[in-house]
Amino acid sequence: MLGSNSRVAADLGCNGNAQSVPIGIAYAEIVVVRHGETEWNADKRIQGHLDIELNEIGRRQATAVIKDPSLRERNLGELQGLRHAAAARVCPKAFKVLRSQKTDREIPGGGESIDQVYQRSTTCLRNISMKHKGRPSQINSLAERY
């Protein structure tokens, strides 16, 4: 039984379900931090894989220790660079895929499906956890916010 000050982590079992396990030398503690703000985030522009400079607020937010391109934002294909308000009108098929509940649909124009992002991200996190077993790691994630 875990004591009141014990820390736990989620571990994905073979069936993909998460279970709580105590943090110790067999596990790495991973803290995922989203990248800092850009002017495009503030302007509600769809950024995707486009590399936009951090704004003043974003530079203050940035504190990454580990950076990995496998944790970058979802490639949003032909939607990248568009404002949310215009995306449905300019690229209706791509926007429909973006808003779809189906996780296996790729966004037209070279975009990724949610399943592809999940596979890419979880593989990366497993590799980092194996490399950093028994010690905490802070990761800069480029996760999208929708």
Protein backbone atom coordinates (compact mmCIF):
# COMPACT_ATOMS: atom_id res chain seq x y z
CA MET A 1 0.00 0.00 0.00
CA LEU A 2 1.24 3.47 -0.83
CA GLY A 3 1.88 5.99 1.91
CA SER A 4 0.19 9.38 1.90
CA ASN A 5 3.33 11.07 0.53
CA SER A 6 3.93 8.49 -2.20
CA ARG A 7 3.79 9.62 -5.80
CA VAL A 8 2.17 7.62 -8.55
CA ALA A 9 2.33 7.61 -12.32
CA ALA A 10 0.16 6.28 -15.08
CA ASP A 11 1.49 3.25 -16.92
CA LEU A 12 -0.05 2.02 -20.16
CA GLY A 13 -0.65 -1.70 -20.05
CA CYS A 14 -0.51 -3.97 -23.09
CA ASN A 15 -4.20 -3.30 -23.73
CA GLY A 16 -3.64 0.47 -23.84
CA ASN A 17 -5.42 1.15 -20.54
CA ALA A 18 -3.64 3.34 -18.00
CA GLN A 19 -3.04 2.08 -14.49
CA SER A 20 -1.49 3.83 -11.48
CA VAL A 21 1.93 2.63 -10.41
CA PRO A 22 4.35 3.99 -7.78
CA ILE A 23 7.18 6.17 -9.08
CA GLY A 24 10.54 4.62 -8.35
CA ILE A 25 13.70 3.49 -10.05
CA ALA A 26 11.71 1.43 -12.57
CA TYR A 27 9.89 4.49 -13.90
CA ALA A 28 10.73 7.98 -15.08
CA GLU A 29 8.68 10.93 -13.88
CA ILE A 30 7.83 12.98 -16.97
CA VAL A 31 6.39 16.49 -16.73
CA VAL A 32 5.03 17.68 -20.07
CA VAL A 33 4.97 21.44 -20.63
CA ARG A 34 3.29 23.05 -23.61
CA HIS A 35 5.40 25.45 -25.66
CA GLY A 36 5.09 29.17 -25.07
CA GLU A 37 2.60 31.46 -26.76
CA THR A 38 3.08 32.87 -30.26
CA GLU A 39 1.34 35.81 -31.93
CA TRP A 40 -0.54 33.26 -34.01
CA ASN A 41 -1.91 31.57 -30.87
CA ALA A 42 -3.07 34.95 -29.60
CA ASP A 43 -4.62 35.67 -33.03
CA LYS A 44 -6.38 32.25 -33.05
CA ARG A 45 -4.51 31.23 -36.19
CA ILE A 46 -4.07 27.53 -36.95
CA GLN A 47 -0.36 26.97 -36.48
CA GLY A 48 0.20 23.23 -36.88
CA HIS A 49 3.81 22.42 -37.83
CA LEU A 50 4.67 25.97 -38.89
CA ASP A 51 7.57 27.32 -36.82
CA ILE A 52 6.36 30.67 -35.50
CA GLU A 53 8.52 32.68 -33.10
CA LEU A 54 7.42 32.97 -29.49
CA ASN A 55 5.99 36.33 -28.48
CA GLU A 56 6.97 38.16 -25.27
CA ILE A 57 4.59 36.06 -23.15
CA GLY A 58 5.83 32.86 -24.83
CA ARG A 59 9.47 33.66 -24.12
CA ARG A 60 8.61 34.03 -20.44
CA GLN A 61 6.74 30.71 -20.51
CA ALA A 62 9.48 28.68 -22.22
CA THR A 63 11.35 26.49 -19.72
CA ALA A 64 12.02 23.24 -21.60
CA VAL A 65 14.72 20.80 -20.61
CA ILE A 66 14.06 18.11 -23.23
CA LYS A 67 12.92 19.05 -26.72
CA ASP A 68 11.91 16.38 -29.20
CA PRO A 69 10.41 16.94 -32.65
CA SER A 70 8.18 13.89 -32.11
CA LEU A 71 6.26 15.96 -29.55
CA ARG A 72 5.51 18.82 -31.90
CA GLU A 73 2.01 19.93 -32.73
CA ARG A 74 -0.24 17.99 -35.05
CA ASN A 75 0.43 18.63 -38.72
CA LEU A 76 -2.80 20.30 -39.79
CA GLY A 77 -2.11 20.17 -43.53
CA GLU A 78 -3.78 22.83 -45.62
CA LEU A 79 -5.34 24.45 -42.53
CA GLN A 80 -1.98 25.71 -41.26
CA GLY A 81 -1.78 29.50 -41.31
CA LEU A 82 -5.52 30.06 -41.58
CA ARG A 83 -7.59 31.80 -38.93
CA HIS A 84 -10.19 29.55 -37.31
CA ALA A 85 -13.00 31.78 -38.53
CA ALA A 86 -11.92 31.38 -42.18
CA ALA A 87 -10.83 27.71 -42.15
CA ALA A 88 -14.32 26.22 -42.63
CA ARG A 89 -14.96 28.47 -45.62
CA VAL A 90 -11.54 28.24 -47.29
CA CYS A 91 -10.86 24.50 -46.74
CA PRO A 92 -14.20 22.88 -45.84
CA LYS A 93 -13.06 19.25 -46.30
CA ALA A 94 -9.95 19.71 -44.16
CA PHE A 95 -11.89 21.62 -41.51
CA LYS A 96 -14.51 18.85 -41.38
CA VAL A 97 -11.75 16.29 -40.75
CA LEU A 98 -10.24 18.51 -38.03
CA ARG A 99 -13.59 18.66 -36.22
CA SER A 100 -14.41 14.97 -36.81
CA GLN A 101 -14.60 12.48 -33.94
CA LYS A 102 -12.97 9.85 -36.18
CA THR A 103 -9.37 9.51 -35.04
CA ASP A 104 -8.05 7.76 -38.16
CA ARG A 105 -8.78 10.55 -40.66
CA GLU A 106 -5.79 12.48 -42.03
CA ILE A 107 -6.24 16.18 -42.72
CA PRO A 108 -5.90 16.92 -46.47
CA GLY A 109 -2.68 18.59 -47.57
CA GLY A 110 -0.24 16.37 -45.68
CA GLY A 111 -1.91 16.62 -42.27
CA GLU A 112 -1.91 13.92 -39.61
CA SER A 113 -4.72 11.88 -38.10
CA ILE A 114 -5.20 11.89 -34.32
CA ASP A 115 -4.10 8.24 -34.31
CA GLN A 116 -0.81 9.20 -36.00
CA VAL A 117 -0.17 11.96 -33.46
CA TYR A 118 -0.94 9.55 -30.60
CA GLN A 119 1.43 6.90 -31.98
CA ARG A 120 4.22 9.43 -32.57
CA SER A 121 3.84 11.01 -29.13
CA THR A 122 3.50 7.84 -27.05
CA THR A 123 6.48 6.22 -28.79
CA CYS A 124 8.57 9.28 -28.00
CA LEU A 125 7.44 9.40 -24.35
CA ARG A 126 8.20 5.69 -23.90
CA ASN A 127 11.70 6.21 -25.34
CA ILE A 128 12.31 9.19 -23.04
CA SER A 129 11.04 7.27 -20.03
CA MET A 130 13.40 4.36 -20.77
CA LYS A 131 16.34 6.74 -21.11
CA HIS A 132 15.52 8.63 -17.88
CA LYS A 133 14.36 5.80 -15.60
CA GLY A 134 14.43 6.69 -11.92
CA ARG A 135 14.68 10.45 -12.34
CA PRO A 136 12.33 13.30 -13.24
CA SER A 137 12.38 14.89 -16.69
CA GLN A 138 10.70 18.02 -17.97
CA ILE A 139 9.63 17.92 -21.60
CA ASN A 140 8.60 20.76 -23.85
CA SER A 141 5.50 19.53 -25.66
CA LEU A 142 4.20 21.25 -28.72
CA ALA A 143 0.67 20.06 -28.08
CA GLU A 144 -2.20 21.86 -29.75
CA ARG A 145 -4.96 23.46 -27.72
CA TYR A 146 -8.42 22.72 -29.02
